[in-house]
Amino acid sequence: MGSVTAPAGRATPAGPRDEDGPAPAWTLVWIDAHEARIGRWVGGRGHVERLTSDVPAHHRATGHVRHDTSVRHGGGCAPQRAGEPRRLEHLARFVERVAGELPEDENLAILGPGTVRDRLAQVIRSADRHRRRDRSITCQACPPITDRQLVARLRRLVGSEPIRGSAGAYRWTGAQATLESGHVLPPRRVLRKPPAALPGER
């Protein structure tokens, strides 16, 4: 189990919300046949949990195929894929394991490069129908990403803006202005660095 944390920012919940209740929470999952990474936003920080699968790799052809002379060409024999049923069995168990680690009361965003993400979404939607749960489940193709990229996507889902520092010529100056509504405006931003002081002007 791994964990990547992001600095807490200003929470601005995204998505539908009840009038008197908090915005729904989100869990983000990136999955393929080798591993799954589950990202959750807890206490203003992103946490990533990693689950490794035991799904065997695909067997590649050796390049030399021996033909059985006792079988006619196109004789109706099914192609020999001895390891595929075993691999699919391992994959189904892995998907069930990942589904069991996901919270039942949070919206889900499922990412991944292949079809495993669709298998996971199908398992979760089937369980939700059986238990009469109603939540948002999105499924999207996504290449391999780092834990930091996963946390950044999760941050956008929950609507928490990162704290951005300013350096060099880009500085915040002036006092904050407050409107009658109580909304606080950000201070003025300087776009150009002030000219350096000439000798004798300090």
Foldseek 3Di string as FASTA:
>chain_A
DFWDWADAFDFDFDDDDDPPDDHFFEWEWEDDLAKIWIWGQDPRIITIDIDGFPQDDQDDDPPDDDDDPVADDVNPDDDDDPCVVVNVVSLLVVLVVVLVPDDPRHEYEYEYADCSSVVNVVVSVVVCVVVVHDHHYHYDYDYDDDPVVVRVVSCVNRVGDHDDDDDDQWDFDDDWDADPVRDIDGGDTGPGRDDDDDPPPD
